[in-house]
Amino acid sequence: MPVGARTPEELETLFEDAFLLCDHHALTELFEAGAVLVVDGGAQEARGGAEISRLVAGLWDGDRTYLAQPGRILQADDTALIVAGDGINVVRCGKDGTWRYAISILQSHARTP
């Protein structure tokens, strides 16, 4: 059985966990190969696993965080739109049965002490 998100909701939880734990490997596994990540209103953008990893590492270095708060999930077959408190995400379910981000637009926040 593949390791990964079995639902769009679980994908959000796994992303928050990987982000909070600063886990590069876990985080990049949550994105499709050609995925795009846009952060802070378009101030930063990355495409593909290597660029996404570098972008998120920069957020970690800047003491930024992300909290998953999925408010609404609209699903049609193997594609879902997640509208969250701090993001809008398009996710897809792959042939292996796991969900991954295709497009992710996030608002990061400064960590609180």
C-alpha atoms as a PDB file:
ATOM      1  CA  MET A   1       0.000   0.000   0.000  1.00  0.00           C
ATOM      2  CA  PRO A   2       1.456   3.399  -0.940  1.00  0.00           C
ATOM      3  CA  VAL A   3       2.263   5.889   1.782  1.00  0.00           C
ATOM      4  CA  GLY A   4       0.476   9.192   1.355  1.00  0.00           C
ATOM      5  CA  ALA A   5      -2.850  10.933   1.616  1.00  0.00           C
ATOM      6  CA  ARG A   6      -5.943   8.827   1.030  1.00  0.00           C
ATOM      7  CA  THR A   7      -8.215  11.894   0.969  1.00  0.00           C
ATOM      8  CA  PRO A   8      -7.835  15.600   0.156  1.00  0.00           C
ATOM      9  CA  GLU A   9      -8.395  16.385   3.856  1.00  0.00           C
ATOM     10  CA  GLU A  10      -5.587  14.052   4.865  1.00  0.00           C
ATOM     11  CA  LEU A  11      -3.287  15.699   2.317  1.00  0.00           C
ATOM     12  CA  GLU A  12      -3.771  19.043   4.078  1.00  0.00           C
ATOM     13  CA  THR A  13      -2.909  17.461   7.438  1.00  0.00           C
ATOM     14  CA  LEU A  14       0.205  15.777   6.030  1.00  0.00           C
ATOM     15  CA  PHE A  15       1.319  19.066   4.473  1.00  0.00           C
ATOM     16  CA  GLU A  16       0.940  20.936   7.760  1.00  0.00           C
ATOM     17  CA  ASP A  17       2.861  18.176   9.593  1.00  0.00           C
ATOM     18  CA  ALA A  18       5.713  18.166   7.050  1.00  0.00           C
ATOM     19  CA  PHE A  19       5.856  21.963   7.129  1.00  0.00           C
ATOM     20  CA  LEU A  20       5.938  22.163  10.932  1.00  0.00           C
ATOM     21  CA  LEU A  21       8.553  19.387  11.179  1.00  0.00           C
ATOM     22  CA  CYS A  22      10.678  20.935   8.382  1.00  0.00           C
ATOM     23  CA  ASP A  23      10.680  17.559   6.608  1.00  0.00           C
ATOM     24  CA  HIS A  24      11.891  18.160   3.011  1.00  0.00           C
ATOM     25  CA  HIS A  25      11.338  14.598   1.836  1.00  0.00           C
ATOM     26  CA  ALA A  26       7.810  14.268   3.223  1.00  0.00           C
ATOM     27  CA  LEU A  27       6.836  17.677   1.895  1.00  0.00           C
ATOM     28  CA  THR A  28       8.057  17.153  -1.673  1.00  0.00           C
ATOM     29  CA  GLU A  29       6.336  13.744  -1.821  1.00  0.00           C
ATOM     30  CA  LEU A  30       3.018  15.555  -1.382  1.00  0.00           C
ATOM     31  CA  PHE A  31       3.381  17.385  -4.722  1.00  0.00           C
ATOM     32  CA  GLU A  32       3.038  16.080  -8.283  1.00  0.00           C
ATOM     33  CA  ALA A  33       6.210  16.185 -10.388  1.00  0.00           C
ATOM     34  CA  GLY A  34       5.139  19.322 -12.282  1.00  0.00           C
ATOM     35  CA  ALA A  35       3.258  21.019  -9.448  1.00  0.00           C
ATOM     36  CA  VAL A  36       3.353  24.754  -8.774  1.00  0.00           C
ATOM     37  CA  LEU A  37       3.504  26.413  -5.355  1.00  0.00           C
ATOM     38  CA  VAL A  38       2.761  30.130  -4.983  1.00  0.00           C
ATOM     39  CA  VAL A  39       3.345  31.773  -1.608  1.00  0.00           C
ATOM     40  CA  ASP A  40       2.311  35.072  -0.052  1.00  0.00           C
ATOM     41  CA  GLY A  41       0.221  36.544  -2.835  1.00  0.00           C
ATOM     42  CA  GLY A  42       2.633  35.604  -5.610  1.00  0.00           C
ATOM     43  CA  ALA A  43       5.722  37.031  -3.916  1.00  0.00           C
ATOM     44  CA  GLN A  44       7.357  33.629  -4.391  1.00  0.00           C
ATOM     45  CA  GLU A  45       6.677  30.855  -6.891  1.00  0.00           C
ATOM     46  CA  ALA A  46       8.185  27.418  -7.463  1.00  0.00           C
ATOM     47  CA  ARG A  47       7.583  24.671 -10.032  1.00  0.00           C
ATOM     48  CA  GLY A  48       8.523  21.040  -9.530  1.00  0.00           C
ATOM     49  CA  GLY A  49       9.908  19.195  -6.523  1.00  0.00           C
ATOM     50  CA  ALA A  50      13.403  20.712  -6.390  1.00  0.00           C
ATOM     51  CA  GLU A  51      12.174  24.314  -6.652  1.00  0.00           C
ATOM     52  CA  ILE A  52       9.347  23.689  -4.183  1.00  0.00           C
ATOM     53  CA  SER A  53      11.830  22.204  -1.720  1.00  0.00           C
ATOM     54  CA  ARG A  54      14.096  25.264  -2.028  1.00  0.00           C
ATOM     55  CA  LEU A  55      11.200  27.692  -1.652  1.00  0.00           C
ATOM     56  CA  VAL A  56       9.873  25.977   1.448  1.00  0.00           C
ATOM     57  CA  ALA A  57      13.390  25.761   2.942  1.00  0.00           C
ATOM     58  CA  GLY A  58      13.561  29.532   2.562  1.00  0.00           C
ATOM     59  CA  LEU A  59      10.262  29.878   4.395  1.00  0.00           C
ATOM     60  CA  TRP A  60      11.594  27.696   7.206  1.00  0.00           C
ATOM     61  CA  ASP A  61      14.783  29.777   7.358  1.00  0.00           C
ATOM     62  CA  GLY A  62      12.612  32.874   7.582  1.00  0.00           C
ATOM     63  CA  ASP A  63      10.752  31.287  10.515  1.00  0.00           C
ATOM     64  CA  ARG A  64       7.495  31.024   8.554  1.00  0.00           C
ATOM     65  CA  THR A  65       4.790  28.412   9.071  1.00  0.00           C
ATOM     66  CA  TYR A  66       1.549  27.166   7.511  1.00  0.00           C
ATOM     67  CA  LEU A  67      -1.554  25.878   9.269  1.00  0.00           C
ATOM     68  CA  ALA A  68      -4.026  23.709   7.391  1.00  0.00           C
ATOM     69  CA  GLN A  69      -7.596  24.851   7.827  1.00  0.00           C
ATOM     70  CA  PRO A  70      -9.599  23.235   5.046  1.00  0.00           C
ATOM     71  CA  GLY A  71     -12.935  24.993   5.066  1.00  0.00           C
ATOM     72  CA  ARG A  72     -14.451  23.688   1.855  1.00  0.00           C
ATOM     73  CA  ILE A  73     -13.524  20.785  -0.378  1.00  0.00           C
ATOM     74  CA  LEU A  74     -15.151  20.317  -3.768  1.00  0.00           C
ATOM     75  CA  GLN A  75     -14.349  17.009  -5.426  1.00  0.00           C
ATOM     76  CA  ALA A  76     -15.030  15.765  -8.939  1.00  0.00           C
ATOM     77  CA  ASP A  77     -13.663  12.280  -9.594  1.00  0.00           C
ATOM     78  CA  ASP A  78      -9.872  12.376  -9.090  1.00  0.00           C
ATOM     79  CA  THR A  79      -9.584  16.173  -8.763  1.00  0.00           C
ATOM     80  CA  ALA A  80     -10.454  18.359  -5.792  1.00  0.00           C
ATOM     81  CA  LEU A  81     -10.388  22.042  -4.922  1.00  0.00           C
ATOM     82  CA  ILE A  82      -9.480  22.832  -1.317  1.00  0.00           C
ATOM     83  CA  VAL A  83     -10.414  26.282  -0.058  1.00  0.00           C
ATOM     84  CA  ALA A  84      -8.695  26.820   3.269  1.00  0.00           C
ATOM     85  CA  GLY A  85      -8.142  29.664   5.688  1.00  0.00           C
ATOM     86  CA  ASP A  86      -4.617  30.236   4.362  1.00  0.00           C
ATOM     87  CA  GLY A  87      -4.720  28.732   0.901  1.00  0.00           C
ATOM     88  CA  ILE A  88      -6.407  27.486  -2.218  1.00  0.00           C
ATOM     89  CA  ASN A  89      -5.245  24.147  -3.590  1.00  0.00           C
ATOM     90  CA  VAL A  90      -5.983  21.946  -6.571  1.00  0.00           C
ATOM     91  CA  VAL A  91      -5.193  18.326  -5.773  1.00  0.00           C
ATOM     92  CA  ARG A  92      -5.380  15.101  -7.764  1.00  0.00           C
ATOM     93  CA  CYS A  93      -5.539  11.450  -6.925  1.00  0.00           C
ATOM     94  CA  GLY A  94      -2.908   9.425  -8.752  1.00  0.00           C
ATOM     95  CA  LYS A  95      -3.074   5.879 -10.068  1.00  0.00           C
ATOM     96  CA  ASP A  96      -1.483   4.718  -6.810  1.00  0.00           C
ATOM     97  CA  GLY A  97      -4.530   6.009  -4.891  1.00  0.00           C
ATOM     98  CA  THR A  98      -2.752   8.876  -3.133  1.00  0.00           C
ATOM     99  CA  TRP A  99      -3.625  12.556  -3.370  1.00  0.00           C
ATOM    100  CA  ARG A 100      -1.001  15.157  -4.297  1.00  0.00           C
ATOM    101  CA  TYR A 101      -0.932  18.892  -4.863  1.00  0.00           C
ATOM    102  CA  ALA A 102      -1.005  20.085  -8.466  1.00  0.00           C
ATOM    103  CA  ILE A 103      -1.449  23.805  -7.714  1.00  0.00           C
ATOM    104  CA  SER A 104      -1.036  25.319  -4.287  1.00  0.00           C
ATOM    105  CA  ILE A 105      -1.469  28.976  -3.356  1.00  0.00           C
ATOM    106  CA  LEU A 106      -0.525  29.584   0.283  1.00  0.00           C
ATOM    107  CA  GLN A 107      -0.241  32.395   2.755  1.00  0.00           C
ATOM    108  CA  SER A 108       2.547  31.737   5.252  1.00  0.00           C
ATOM    109  CA  HIS A 109       2.757  33.259   8.720  1.00  0.00           C
ATOM    110  CA  ALA A 110       5.513  34.132  11.163  1.00  0.00           C
ATOM    111  CA  ARG A 111       5.921  31.478  13.836  1.00  0.00           C
ATOM    112  CA  THR A 112       4.677  32.554  17.235  1.00  0.00           C
ATOM    113  CA  PRO A 113       7.063  32.166  20.152  1.00  0.00           C
END
